[in-house]
Structures are given as C-alpha cells and as structure tokens.
Amino acid sequence: MPRTILMVLLLLALVAEAQAANLSFVSCWPKKQQSDPVSRLMKSHTVTSRSHWRAYATVDANANNGACQNTTRLYIASPGHNFAAVLTISPAGTQNGNGIRVVGWSPTGEQLLLETTSWAYNSDATPDVAVLIYDTRKGVQKPDVIKGLLEYFGSRCAFGYSVVGWQSERSIVLRVRPFREALDDDPSCVERPIVFDYELDHGTFRPAAF
C-alpha cells in the first residue's frame, strides 16, 4: 500500500480515537436554545496503553447564579492499581472555561498525549490551546509548542493549531491552520492547513513527509 495512503489512514484513525475522548468544550448550555445554565459532569472513555496504563478525563461544568465555571481532571491508573487524579485545571481569572482532549498513548505506552483548552465564557476571544504530556515516570510535562511555532512562522504570525497524534516516541504531529481575529482584515500568514512533526527533545518543527 502506498505510503501516502498509509499516512492518511493513520491520521483518520488517530482523529477518530481523539474524538471519542474529546471534552474540549463542555459547557453548562448543552442545547443551543437553552437559556439557563445547567451543571453537568462529563467523562471521557478510558484509553489503555500497550503497557496496560489507563487514563480518562472529566470536565465538571458548574452552573452558579447564571454563570458557568469548569474544572477539568485527568485520572491515571498504573497496571494493577486504581485510578488517581494527576492533573486538575481550575478556573483562573477570566478564563472560567476549560476542557481536555485525550489524544492517545505513545507507541511504547509510557506517555499520554493531551490537548487542553481554556476560554472566557461570554467572550469572542479565541480559546487558548496547550499541549500536555503525561509521562509515566516524570508526571505531567508541558512542551513549549507555541514558542516553536512562533520561531518557525514569526512572532507576528496569526495561526491556529491542534494536536493530531504521535509520530514516534519523541515526536508528535500537529496541524497548523489559517487564522485571523474577527476584526482583523489582514490575511493569515498561514495560507492553508499544514501538518508538522514536532520534535519533543529539541522543540523543532518540520513539515510532515507523506
């Protein structure tokens, strides 16, 4: 089977798995026509690594006095042990919304790739996105993806990005897309979606080879 087709199938499989554990934008308004906020707790499915580590996430959207605040948690269980919370994301300042997407375990099953989001309810501002990695030996790690992207595109470049999955044990795949603010007439410096390999050890980017 040609390499291009194999890569496309891999990306589709990774996206499907990520969507099944996607709690990026849980809110107190599950229905568009709903006017009053409703508290709700959402839980992702459990993701198991080849080395039998397990993980799942929850988002608690808490309605209070007509407003909503989120608390996101990640739970990890080592082989033969019970789950324990290893990460809690609480409301911070005006960023009262947050969420998480459990992307998947690395090829060896020793690292878990995550994408987190944070935003302010009732704001038009674009949600912040961050990449996290849970390492079974070191705990939660936060690679500085934004720094690498700004070094690649330039500090004045506007773009959006999302996590696709693992490329290898020490590199991940990111999708960078065009973006501009609602009141900005200038076109994005990114003309079309681009898929990159991001090397975790060196913080460098290179276009993915298909």
N, C-alpha and C. Protein backbone atom coordinates (compact mmCIF):
# COMPACT_ATOMS: atom_id res chain seq x y z
N MET A 1 0.85 -1.19 0.00
CA MET A 1 0.00 0.00 0.00
C MET A 1 0.89 1.25 0.00
N PRO A 2 0.62 2.25 -0.84
CA PRO A 2 1.47 3.45 -0.91
C PRO A 2 1.56 4.16 0.43
N ARG A 3 2.72 4.81 0.66
CA ARG A 3 2.96 5.48 1.94
C ARG A 3 1.93 6.58 2.20
N THR A 4 1.53 7.30 1.14
CA THR A 4 0.56 8.38 1.33
C THR A 4 -0.75 7.85 1.88
N ILE A 5 -1.23 6.74 1.35
CA ILE A 5 -2.49 6.16 1.83
C ILE A 5 -2.35 5.69 3.26
N LEU A 6 -1.19 5.08 3.58
CA LEU A 6 -0.97 4.63 4.95
C LEU A 6 -1.01 5.80 5.93
N MET A 7 -0.38 6.93 5.57
CA MET A 7 -0.38 8.09 6.44
C MET A 7 -1.77 8.66 6.61
N VAL A 8 -2.55 8.70 5.54
CA VAL A 8 -3.92 9.21 5.64
C VAL A 8 -4.75 8.31 6.55
N LEU A 9 -4.61 7.00 6.41
CA LEU A 9 -5.35 6.08 7.27
C LEU A 9 -4.95 6.24 8.72
N LEU A 10 -3.65 6.46 8.96
CA LEU A 10 -3.18 6.68 10.33
C LEU A 10 -3.79 7.93 10.93
N LEU A 11 -3.79 9.02 10.16
CA LEU A 11 -4.36 10.26 10.65
C LEU A 11 -5.85 10.11 10.95
N LEU A 12 -6.57 9.42 10.08
CA LEU A 12 -8.00 9.21 10.30
C LEU A 12 -8.24 8.39 11.55
N ALA A 13 -7.43 7.38 11.79
CA ALA A 13 -7.59 6.54 12.99
C ALA A 13 -7.30 7.34 14.24
N LEU A 14 -6.26 8.18 14.19
CA LEU A 14 -5.91 8.99 15.35
C LEU A 14 -7.00 10.01 15.65
N VAL A 15 -7.55 10.62 14.62
CA VAL A 15 -8.62 11.60 14.81
C VAL A 15 -9.85 10.93 15.40
N ALA A 16 -10.20 9.74 14.92
CA ALA A 16 -11.37 9.03 15.43
C ALA A 16 -11.21 8.70 16.91
N GLU A 17 -10.01 8.24 17.30
CA GLU A 17 -9.77 7.93 18.70
C GLU A 17 -9.84 9.19 19.56
N ALA A 18 -9.26 10.29 19.07
CA ALA A 18 -9.26 11.53 19.83
C ALA A 18 -10.67 12.07 20.03
N GLN A 19 -11.51 11.96 18.99
CA GLN A 19 -12.88 12.45 19.12
C GLN A 19 -13.65 11.69 20.19
N ALA A 20 -13.35 10.42 20.37
CA ALA A 20 -14.05 9.61 21.37
C ALA A 20 -13.68 10.02 22.79
N ALA A 21 -12.56 10.74 22.95
CA ALA A 21 -12.14 11.20 24.27
C ALA A 21 -12.04 12.72 24.28
N ASN A 22 -12.96 13.38 23.58
CA ASN A 22 -12.89 14.83 23.40
C ASN A 22 -13.85 15.54 24.35
N LEU A 23 -13.28 16.22 25.35
CA LEU A 23 -14.06 17.04 26.26
C LEU A 23 -13.56 18.48 26.20
N SER A 24 -13.22 18.93 25.01
CA SER A 24 -12.59 20.24 24.85
C SER A 24 -13.51 21.39 25.20
N PHE A 25 -14.80 21.27 24.89
CA PHE A 25 -15.70 22.41 25.05
C PHE A 25 -17.01 22.02 25.73
N VAL A 26 -16.91 21.45 26.91
CA VAL A 26 -18.08 21.15 27.71
C VAL A 26 -18.56 22.44 28.37
N SER A 27 -19.86 22.70 28.32
CA SER A 27 -20.39 23.92 28.94
C SER A 27 -21.68 23.60 29.69
N CYS A 28 -22.22 24.62 30.34
CA CYS A 28 -23.48 24.48 31.07
C CYS A 28 -24.69 24.68 30.17
N TRP A 29 -24.44 24.83 28.87
CA TRP A 29 -25.52 25.01 27.90
C TRP A 29 -25.42 23.93 26.82
N PRO A 30 -25.82 22.70 27.12
CA PRO A 30 -25.68 21.62 26.14
C PRO A 30 -26.60 21.78 24.93
N LYS A 31 -27.67 22.58 25.08
CA LYS A 31 -28.60 22.80 23.97
C LYS A 31 -28.57 24.26 23.59
N LYS A 32 -28.52 24.53 22.29
CA LYS A 32 -28.38 25.90 21.80
C LYS A 32 -29.53 26.79 22.25
N GLN A 33 -30.75 26.24 22.31
CA GLN A 33 -31.90 27.06 22.66
C GLN A 33 -32.07 27.22 24.16
N GLN A 34 -31.17 26.62 24.93
CA GLN A 34 -31.30 26.67 26.38
C GLN A 34 -30.82 28.01 26.91
N SER A 35 -31.61 28.64 27.81
CA SER A 35 -31.25 29.96 28.33
C SER A 35 -30.60 29.89 29.70
N ASP A 36 -30.99 28.94 30.53
CA ASP A 36 -30.44 28.83 31.87
C ASP A 36 -29.34 27.79 31.93
N PRO A 37 -28.25 28.10 32.61
CA PRO A 37 -27.15 27.12 32.70
C PRO A 37 -27.53 25.93 33.57
N VAL A 38 -27.00 24.77 33.22
CA VAL A 38 -27.27 23.54 33.95
C VAL A 38 -25.94 22.86 34.26
N SER A 39 -25.71 22.53 35.52
CA SER A 39 -24.48 21.83 35.90
C SER A 39 -24.47 20.43 35.31
N ARG A 40 -23.31 19.99 34.85
CA ARG A 40 -23.19 18.63 34.35
C ARG A 40 -21.73 18.18 34.41
N LEU A 41 -21.56 16.89 34.59
CA LEU A 41 -20.24 16.28 34.66
C LEU A 41 -20.08 15.32 33.49
N MET A 42 -19.06 15.55 32.67
CA MET A 42 -18.82 14.70 31.51
C MET A 42 -17.54 13.91 31.72
N LYS A 43 -17.56 12.65 31.28
CA LYS A 43 -16.41 11.76 31.43
C LYS A 43 -16.05 11.16 30.08
N SER A 44 -14.77 11.13 29.76
CA SER A 44 -14.32 10.50 28.52
C SER A 44 -14.29 8.99 28.69
N HIS A 45 -14.13 8.27 27.59
CA HIS A 45 -13.92 6.84 27.72
C HIS A 45 -12.48 6.59 28.20
N THR A 46 -12.21 5.40 28.66
CA THR A 46 -10.89 5.05 29.17
C THR A 46 -9.98 4.62 28.03
N VAL A 47 -8.76 5.18 28.01
CA VAL A 47 -7.76 4.87 26.98
C VAL A 47 -6.67 4.03 27.63
N THR A 48 -6.40 2.85 27.07
CA THR A 48 -5.43 1.92 27.63
C THR A 48 -4.21 1.81 26.73
N SER A 49 -3.03 1.84 27.33
CA SER A 49 -1.79 1.75 26.56
C SER A 49 -1.40 0.29 26.37
N ARG A 50 -0.44 0.07 25.51
CA ARG A 50 0.04 -1.29 25.26
C ARG A 50 0.76 -1.87 26.47
N SER A 51 1.19 -0.98 27.39
CA SER A 51 1.83 -1.44 28.63
C SER A 51 0.84 -1.45 29.79
N HIS A 52 -0.47 -1.33 29.45
CA HIS A 52 -1.57 -1.51 30.40
C HIS A 52 -1.75 -0.35 31.38
N TRP A 53 -1.21 0.82 31.08
CA TRP A 53 -1.60 2.02 31.79
C TRP A 53 -2.96 2.47 31.25
N ARG A 54 -3.76 3.08 32.11
CA ARG A 54 -5.10 3.53 31.71
C ARG A 54 -5.28 5.00 32.06
N ALA A 55 -6.15 5.66 31.32
CA ALA A 55 -6.40 7.08 31.55
C ALA A 55 -7.81 7.45 31.12
N TYR A 56 -8.39 8.38 31.83
CA TYR A 56 -9.63 9.02 31.39
C TYR A 56 -9.67 10.44 31.97
N ALA A 57 -10.56 11.25 31.45
CA ALA A 57 -10.67 12.65 31.89
C ALA A 57 -12.12 12.97 32.21
N THR A 58 -12.31 13.99 33.04
CA THR A 58 -13.64 14.51 33.34
C THR A 58 -13.62 16.03 33.24
N VAL A 59 -14.77 16.59 32.92
CA VAL A 59 -14.97 18.04 32.98
C VAL A 59 -16.26 18.28 33.74
N ASP A 60 -16.14 19.05 34.82
CA ASP A 60 -17.27 19.41 35.66
C ASP A 60 -17.65 20.86 35.34
N ALA A 61 -18.75 21.03 34.63
CA ALA A 61 -19.26 22.36 34.31
C ALA A 61 -20.27 22.74 35.37
N ASN A 62 -19.92 23.68 36.21
CA ASN A 62 -20.72 24.02 37.39
C ASN A 62 -21.48 25.32 37.16
N ALA A 63 -22.82 25.23 37.16
CA ALA A 63 -23.67 26.40 36.99
C ALA A 63 -23.93 27.05 38.35
N ASN A 64 -23.75 28.38 38.41
CA ASN A 64 -23.96 29.09 39.68
C ASN A 64 -24.33 30.54 39.38
N ASN A 65 -25.54 30.92 39.81
CA ASN A 65 -26.02 32.29 39.65
C ASN A 65 -25.98 32.76 38.19
N GLY A 66 -26.40 31.88 37.30
CA GLY A 66 -26.48 32.23 35.89
C GLY A 66 -25.17 32.16 35.14
N ALA A 67 -24.08 31.77 35.82
CA ALA A 67 -22.78 31.67 35.17
C ALA A 67 -22.32 30.21 35.17
N CYS A 68 -21.19 29.97 34.52
CA CYS A 68 -20.67 28.61 34.42
C CYS A 68 -19.16 28.64 34.65
N GLN A 69 -18.67 27.67 35.42
CA GLN A 69 -17.24 27.52 35.64
C GLN A 69 -16.87 26.05 35.48
N ASN A 70 -15.75 25.80 34.81
CA ASN A 70 -15.33 24.42 34.55
C ASN A 70 -14.16 24.02 35.42
N THR A 71 -14.13 22.73 35.78
CA THR A 71 -12.96 22.12 36.40
C THR A 71 -12.67 20.83 35.65
N THR A 72 -11.46 20.73 35.12
CA THR A 72 -11.04 19.58 34.33
C THR A 72 -10.06 18.73 35.12
N ARG A 73 -10.22 17.41 35.04
CA ARG A 73 -9.32 16.50 35.75
C ARG A 73 -8.90 15.34 34.84
N LEU A 74 -7.66 14.91 35.01
CA LEU A 74 -7.13 13.74 34.33
C LEU A 74 -6.82 12.67 35.37
N TYR A 75 -7.28 11.45 35.09
CA TYR A 75 -7.08 10.32 36.00
C TYR A 75 -6.21 9.27 35.32
N ILE A 76 -5.24 8.76 36.06
CA ILE A 76 -4.31 7.76 35.55
C ILE A 76 -4.30 6.56 36.49
N ALA A 77 -4.20 5.36 35.91
CA ALA A 77 -4.05 4.13 36.70
C ALA A 77 -2.88 3.34 36.13
N SER A 78 -1.90 3.04 36.96
CA SER A 78 -0.80 2.17 36.54
C SER A 78 -1.30 0.74 36.52
N PRO A 79 -0.59 -0.18 35.86
CA PRO A 79 -1.05 -1.57 35.77
C PRO A 79 -1.33 -2.19 37.15
N GLY A 80 -2.55 -2.69 37.33
CA GLY A 80 -2.92 -3.35 38.57
C GLY A 80 -3.31 -2.42 39.71
N HIS A 81 -3.40 -1.11 39.46
CA HIS A 81 -3.74 -0.16 40.51
C HIS A 81 -4.98 0.64 40.14
N ASN A 82 -5.53 1.35 41.14
CA ASN A 82 -6.73 2.15 40.94
C ASN A 82 -6.38 3.51 40.33
N PHE A 83 -7.39 4.17 39.81
CA PHE A 83 -7.21 5.49 39.22
C PHE A 83 -6.93 6.54 40.30
N ALA A 84 -6.12 7.52 39.95
CA ALA A 84 -5.86 8.66 40.81
C ALA A 84 -5.76 9.91 39.94
N ALA A 85 -6.24 11.02 40.47
CA ALA A 85 -6.16 12.28 39.73
C ALA A 85 -4.72 12.78 39.69
N VAL A 86 -4.21 13.07 38.49
CA VAL A 86 -2.82 13.56 38.35
C VAL A 86 -2.79 14.98 37.82
N LEU A 87 -3.93 15.50 37.40
CA LEU A 87 -3.98 16.86 36.85
C LEU A 87 -5.35 17.46 37.12
N THR A 88 -5.38 18.68 37.65
CA THR A 88 -6.62 19.42 37.84
C THR A 88 -6.44 20.81 37.25
N ILE A 89 -7.36 21.20 36.37
CA ILE A 89 -7.35 22.54 35.78
C ILE A 89 -8.58 23.27 36.31
N SER A 90 -8.35 24.32 37.08
CA SER A 90 -9.43 25.08 37.70
C SER A 90 -9.63 26.41 36.99
N PRO A 91 -10.79 27.06 37.18
CA PRO A 91 -10.97 28.39 36.61
C PRO A 91 -9.88 29.34 37.10
N ALA A 92 -9.37 30.17 36.21
CA ALA A 92 -8.29 31.09 36.56
C ALA A 92 -8.59 32.46 35.99
N GLY A 93 -8.83 33.43 36.85
CA GLY A 93 -9.13 34.78 36.39
C GLY A 93 -10.39 34.80 35.55
N THR A 94 -10.28 35.40 34.37
CA THR A 94 -11.44 35.45 33.47
C THR A 94 -11.60 34.15 32.67
N GLN A 95 -10.59 33.29 32.71
CA GLN A 95 -10.65 32.02 31.98
C GLN A 95 -11.45 31.01 32.82
N ASN A 96 -12.78 31.15 32.79
CA ASN A 96 -13.62 30.28 33.61
C ASN A 96 -14.08 29.02 32.88
N GLY A 97 -13.70 28.87 31.62
CA GLY A 97 -13.99 27.65 30.88
C GLY A 97 -12.71 26.91 30.57
N ASN A 98 -12.75 25.59 30.67
CA ASN A 98 -11.59 24.78 30.30
C ASN A 98 -12.05 23.39 29.91
N GLY A 99 -11.19 22.68 29.20
CA GLY A 99 -11.54 21.34 28.75
C GLY A 99 -10.29 20.58 28.35
N ILE A 100 -10.49 19.34 27.90
CA ILE A 100 -9.35 18.49 27.58
C ILE A 100 -9.72 17.48 26.50
N ARG A 101 -8.73 17.12 25.70
CA ARG A 101 -8.89 16.05 24.72
C ARG A 101 -7.78 15.03 24.95
N VAL A 102 -8.17 13.80 25.26
CA VAL A 102 -7.20 12.73 25.46
C VAL A 102 -6.86 12.16 24.09
N VAL A 103 -5.68 12.49 23.57
CA VAL A 103 -5.32 12.13 22.20
C VAL A 103 -4.91 10.66 22.12
N GLY A 104 -4.03 10.21 23.01
CA GLY A 104 -3.66 8.80 22.99
C GLY A 104 -2.27 8.55 23.55
N TRP A 105 -1.99 7.27 23.79
CA TRP A 105 -0.70 6.86 24.33
C TRP A 105 0.36 6.76 23.23
N SER A 106 1.60 6.94 23.62
CA SER A 106 2.72 6.83 22.69
C SER A 106 2.93 5.38 22.28
N PRO A 107 3.77 5.12 21.27
CA PRO A 107 3.96 3.74 20.80
C PRO A 107 4.39 2.75 21.88
N THR A 108 5.20 3.18 22.84
CA THR A 108 5.62 2.27 23.92
C THR A 108 4.60 2.20 25.04
N GLY A 109 3.65 3.13 25.04
CA GLY A 109 2.65 3.15 26.11
C GLY A 109 3.12 3.82 27.37
N GLU A 110 4.20 4.60 27.31
CA GLU A 110 4.75 5.23 28.50
C GLU A 110 4.43 6.72 28.59
N GLN A 111 3.83 7.29 27.53
CA GLN A 111 3.48 8.71 27.54
C GLN A 111 2.08 8.89 26.95
N LEU A 112 1.33 9.80 27.56
CA LEU A 112 -0.03 10.09 27.11
C LEU A 112 -0.08 11.52 26.58
N LEU A 113 -0.56 11.67 25.35
CA LEU A 113 -0.64 12.98 24.71
C LEU A 113 -2.02 13.60 24.96
N LEU A 114 -2.01 14.88 25.34
CA LEU A 114 -3.24 15.58 25.71
C LEU A 114 -3.26 16.96 25.05
N GLU A 115 -4.47 17.45 24.79
CA GLU A 115 -4.66 18.82 24.32
C GLU A 115 -5.66 19.49 25.25
N THR A 116 -5.29 20.62 25.86
CA THR A 116 -6.20 21.32 26.75
C THR A 116 -6.64 22.63 26.13
N THR A 117 -7.82 23.08 26.54
CA THR A 117 -8.36 24.35 26.07
C THR A 117 -8.80 25.17 27.27
N SER A 118 -8.71 26.48 27.14
CA SER A 118 -9.23 27.38 28.17
C SER A 118 -9.78 28.62 27.49
N TRP A 119 -10.85 29.16 28.06
CA TRP A 119 -11.50 30.31 27.43
C TRP A 119 -12.33 31.06 28.48
N ALA A 120 -12.82 32.21 28.09
CA ALA A 120 -13.71 33.00 28.93
C ALA A 120 -15.12 32.90 28.37
N TYR A 121 -16.06 32.46 29.20
CA TYR A 121 -17.45 32.45 28.78
C TYR A 121 -17.90 33.87 28.43
N ASN A 122 -18.81 33.97 27.47
CA ASN A 122 -19.37 35.26 27.03
C ASN A 122 -18.30 36.18 26.46
N SER A 123 -17.32 35.60 25.81
CA SER A 123 -16.27 36.38 25.17
C SER A 123 -16.06 35.87 23.75
N ASP A 124 -15.70 36.78 22.85
CA ASP A 124 -15.41 36.41 21.46
C ASP A 124 -13.95 36.02 21.27
N ALA A 125 -13.16 36.10 22.33
CA ALA A 125 -11.74 35.78 22.22
C ALA A 125 -11.55 34.30 21.89
N THR A 126 -10.53 34.01 21.11
CA THR A 126 -10.24 32.63 20.71
C THR A 126 -9.74 31.83 21.91
N PRO A 127 -10.23 30.62 22.11
CA PRO A 127 -9.74 29.79 23.23
C PRO A 127 -8.24 29.52 23.11
N ASP A 128 -7.59 29.45 24.26
CA ASP A 128 -6.17 29.08 24.30
C ASP A 128 -6.05 27.56 24.23
N VAL A 129 -5.06 27.10 23.47
CA VAL A 129 -4.80 25.67 23.31
C VAL A 129 -3.40 25.37 23.83
N ALA A 130 -3.26 24.26 24.55
CA ALA A 130 -1.95 23.86 25.06
C ALA A 130 -1.78 22.36 24.88
N VAL A 131 -0.54 21.95 24.71
CA VAL A 131 -0.19 20.53 24.60
C VAL A 131 0.42 20.08 25.93
N LEU A 132 -0.08 18.97 26.44
CA LEU A 132 0.47 18.37 27.65
C LEU A 132 0.83 16.91 27.36
N ILE A 133 1.80 16.41 28.09
CA ILE A 133 2.17 15.01 28.00
C ILE A 133 2.28 14.45 29.41
N TYR A 134 1.54 13.37 29.68
CA TYR A 134 1.72 12.68 30.95
C TYR A 134 2.74 11.57 30.74
N ASP A 135 3.87 11.69 31.43
CA ASP A 135 4.94 10.70 31.36
C ASP A 135 4.82 9.79 32.59
N THR A 136 4.77 8.48 32.37
CA THR A 136 4.57 7.56 33.49
C THR A 136 5.69 7.59 34.51
N ARG A 137 6.85 8.17 34.14
CA ARG A 137 7.99 8.27 35.07
C ARG A 137 8.15 9.68 35.63
N LYS A 138 7.74 10.71 34.86
CA LYS A 138 8.00 12.09 35.25
C LYS A 138 6.75 12.89 35.59
N GLY A 139 5.57 12.34 35.31
CA GLY A 139 4.35 13.09 35.55
C GLY A 139 3.99 13.97 34.39
N VAL A 140 3.26 15.06 34.65
CA VAL A 140 2.76 15.93 33.59
C VAL A 140 3.86 16.86 33.09
N GLN A 141 4.07 16.87 31.78
CA GLN A 141 5.05 17.71 31.11
C GLN A 141 4.31 18.66 30.15
N LYS A 142 4.88 19.85 29.94
CA LYS A 142 4.27 20.83 29.03
C LYS A 142 5.30 21.33 28.03
N PRO A 143 5.38 20.70 26.86
CA PRO A 143 6.30 21.21 25.83
C PRO A 143 5.86 22.58 25.35
N ASP A 144 6.83 23.44 25.08
CA ASP A 144 6.53 24.82 24.67
C ASP A 144 6.29 24.86 23.16
N VAL A 145 5.14 24.35 22.76
CA VAL A 145 4.80 24.28 21.34
C VAL A 145 4.66 25.67 20.72
N ILE A 146 4.02 26.58 21.46
CA ILE A 146 3.81 27.94 20.94
C ILE A 146 5.15 28.61 20.61
N LYS A 147 6.13 28.45 21.49
CA LYS A 147 7.44 29.05 21.23
C LYS A 147 8.02 28.52 19.92
N GLY A 148 7.93 27.20 19.72
CA GLY A 148 8.45 26.62 18.49
C GLY A 148 7.71 27.11 17.26
N LEU A 149 6.39 27.24 17.36
CA LEU A 149 5.61 27.72 16.23
C LEU A 149 5.94 29.16 15.88
N LEU A 150 6.10 30.00 16.91
CA LEU A 150 6.42 31.41 16.66
C LEU A 150 7.82 31.55 16.07
N GLU A 151 8.74 30.69 16.48
CA GLU A 151 10.07 30.73 15.89
C GLU A 151 10.03 30.30 14.42
N TYR A 152 9.13 29.39 14.09
CA TYR A 152 9.03 28.90 12.72
C TYR A 152 8.33 29.92 11.82
N PHE A 153 7.19 30.48 12.29
CA PHE A 153 6.39 31.36 11.44
C PHE A 153 6.70 32.84 11.65
N GLY A 154 7.25 33.20 12.79
CA GLY A 154 7.47 34.60 13.11
C GLY A 154 6.49 35.08 14.16
N SER A 155 6.92 36.00 15.00
CA SER A 155 6.14 36.42 16.16
C SER A 155 4.87 37.18 15.78
N ARG A 156 4.81 37.73 14.57
CA ARG A 156 3.63 38.49 14.15
C ARG A 156 2.64 37.64 13.35
N CYS A 157 2.88 36.36 13.31
CA CYS A 157 2.01 35.47 12.53
C CYS A 157 0.84 34.98 13.37
N ALA A 158 -0.36 35.06 12.81
CA ALA A 158 -1.55 34.53 13.48
C ALA A 158 -1.90 33.17 12.88
N PHE A 159 -2.15 32.21 13.73
CA PHE A 159 -2.47 30.87 13.25
C PHE A 159 -3.22 30.13 14.35
N GLY A 160 -3.86 29.05 13.97
CA GLY A 160 -4.45 28.13 14.93
C GLY A 160 -3.78 26.78 14.78
N TYR A 161 -3.86 25.97 15.82
CA TYR A 161 -3.25 24.64 15.70
C TYR A 161 -4.00 23.64 16.57
N SER A 162 -3.83 22.38 16.24
CA SER A 162 -4.42 21.30 17.01
C SER A 162 -3.50 20.09 16.96
N VAL A 163 -3.67 19.20 17.92
CA VAL A 163 -2.83 18.00 18.01
C VAL A 163 -3.48 16.89 17.19
N VAL A 164 -2.68 16.21 16.40
CA VAL A 164 -3.16 15.05 15.64
C VAL A 164 -2.85 13.75 16.36
N GLY A 165 -1.59 13.56 16.78
CA GLY A 165 -1.23 12.31 17.46
C GLY A 165 0.28 12.15 17.53
N TRP A 166 0.71 10.93 17.82
CA TRP A 166 2.13 10.60 17.91
C TRP A 166 2.70 10.25 16.54
N GLN A 167 3.90 10.75 16.26
CA GLN A 167 4.65 10.32 15.09
C GLN A 167 5.65 9.23 15.49
N SER A 168 6.28 9.42 16.65
CA SER A 168 7.19 8.44 17.22
C SER A 168 7.19 8.67 18.73
N GLU A 169 8.03 7.95 19.45
CA GLU A 169 8.07 8.12 20.90
C GLU A 169 8.53 9.52 21.30
N ARG A 170 9.28 10.20 20.46
CA ARG A 170 9.83 11.51 20.79
C ARG A 170 9.36 12.61 19.85
N SER A 171 8.32 12.36 19.09
CA SER A 171 7.78 13.42 18.22
C SER A 171 6.28 13.25 18.08
N ILE A 172 5.59 14.40 17.93
CA ILE A 172 4.14 14.40 17.78
C ILE A 172 3.78 15.12 16.48
N VAL A 173 2.54 14.92 16.04
CA VAL A 173 2.06 15.53 14.80
C VAL A 173 1.07 16.64 15.16
N LEU A 174 1.29 17.82 14.59
CA LEU A 174 0.41 18.97 14.80
C LEU A 174 -0.14 19.45 13.47
N ARG A 175 -1.35 19.97 13.50
CA ARG A 175 -1.96 20.56 12.31
C ARG A 175 -2.10 22.05 12.54
N VAL A 176 -1.43 22.85 11.72
CA VAL A 176 -1.49 24.31 11.81
C VAL A 176 -2.41 24.82 10.70
N ARG A 177 -3.29 25.74 11.03
CA ARG A 177 -4.29 26.20 10.07
C ARG A 177 -4.33 27.73 10.01
N PRO A 178 -4.87 28.28 8.93
CA PRO A 178 -5.01 29.75 8.84
C PRO A 178 -5.93 30.27 9.94
N PHE A 179 -5.63 31.49 10.38
CA PHE A 179 -6.45 32.11 11.43
C PHE A 179 -6.24 33.62 11.41
N ARG A 180 -7.31 34.35 11.70
CA ARG A 180 -7.19 35.78 11.94
C ARG A 180 -8.32 36.20 12.86
N GLU A 181 -8.07 37.27 13.62
CA GLU A 181 -9.08 37.78 14.53
C GLU A 181 -10.27 38.34 13.74
N ALA A 182 -11.43 38.36 14.38
CA ALA A 182 -12.66 38.76 13.70
C ALA A 182 -12.57 40.19 13.13
N LEU A 183 -11.89 41.11 13.82
CA LEU A 183 -11.82 42.50 13.37
C LEU A 183 -10.54 42.81 12.61
N ASP A 184 -9.79 41.78 12.29
CA ASP A 184 -8.52 41.97 11.57
C ASP A 184 -8.73 41.66 10.09
N ASP A 185 -8.47 42.66 9.24
CA ASP A 185 -8.67 42.49 7.80
C ASP A 185 -7.47 41.83 7.12
N ASP A 186 -6.35 41.74 7.81
CA ASP A 186 -5.16 41.15 7.20
C ASP A 186 -5.31 39.63 7.10
N PRO A 187 -4.90 39.05 5.98
CA PRO A 187 -4.98 37.59 5.86
C PRO A 187 -3.97 36.92 6.78
N SER A 188 -4.26 35.67 7.12
CA SER A 188 -3.34 34.92 7.96
C SER A 188 -2.05 34.64 7.20
N CYS A 189 -0.94 34.59 7.94
CA CYS A 189 0.33 34.27 7.30
C CYS A 189 0.41 32.79 6.93
N VAL A 190 -0.51 31.98 7.44
CA VAL A 190 -0.61 30.57 7.06
C VAL A 190 -1.71 30.47 6.01
N GLU A 191 -1.37 30.13 4.79
CA GLU A 191 -2.32 30.17 3.69
C GLU A 191 -3.22 28.95 3.62
N ARG A 192 -2.74 27.81 4.11
CA ARG A 192 -3.53 26.58 4.06
C ARG A 192 -3.10 25.69 5.23
N PRO A 193 -3.91 24.72 5.61
CA PRO A 193 -3.51 23.83 6.70
C PRO A 193 -2.22 23.08 6.38
N ILE A 194 -1.34 23.00 7.36
CA ILE A 194 -0.06 22.32 7.20
C ILE A 194 0.11 21.35 8.36
N VAL A 195 0.59 20.16 8.06
CA VAL A 195 0.85 19.15 9.10
C VAL A 195 2.35 19.13 9.39
N PHE A 196 2.69 19.21 10.69
CA PHE A 196 4.09 19.26 11.12
C PHE A 196 4.41 18.12 12.07
N ASP A 197 5.66 17.69 12.02
CA ASP A 197 6.24 16.85 13.07
C ASP A 197 6.95 17.77 14.05
N TYR A 198 6.66 17.60 15.33
CA TYR A 198 7.29 18.40 16.37
C TYR A 198 8.18 17.51 17.22
N GLU A 199 9.48 17.79 17.21
CA GLU A 199 10.45 17.00 17.97
C GLU A 199 10.45 17.47 19.42
N LEU A 200 10.08 16.58 20.34
CA LEU A 200 9.96 16.96 21.74
C LEU A 200 11.29 17.30 22.38
N ASP A 201 12.35 16.61 22.02
CA ASP A 201 13.64 16.82 22.66
C ASP A 201 14.25 18.18 22.31
N HIS A 202 14.04 18.63 21.07
CA HIS A 202 14.69 19.86 20.61
C HIS A 202 13.71 21.01 20.39
N GLY A 203 12.41 20.74 20.44
CA GLY A 203 11.43 21.79 20.25
C GLY A 203 11.42 22.35 18.84
N THR A 204 11.72 21.50 17.85
CA THR A 204 11.79 21.97 16.46
C THR A 204 10.66 21.38 15.62
N PHE A 205 10.32 22.11 14.55
CA PHE A 205 9.26 21.70 13.64
C PHE A 205 9.82 21.39 12.27
N ARG A 206 9.15 20.47 11.59
CA ARG A 206 9.43 20.23 10.19
C ARG A 206 8.14 19.73 9.54
N PRO A 207 7.87 20.16 8.31
CA PRO A 207 6.67 19.67 7.63
C PRO A 207 6.67 18.14 7.57
N ALA A 208 5.52 17.54 7.84
CA ALA A 208 5.43 16.09 7.81
C ALA A 208 5.60 15.57 6.39
N ALA A 209 6.31 14.48 6.27
CA ALA A 209 6.56 13.86 4.96
C ALA A 209 5.51 12.81 4.70
N PHE A 210 4.76 12.97 3.62
CA PHE A 210 3.73 11.99 3.24
C PHE A 210 4.21 11.16 2.05
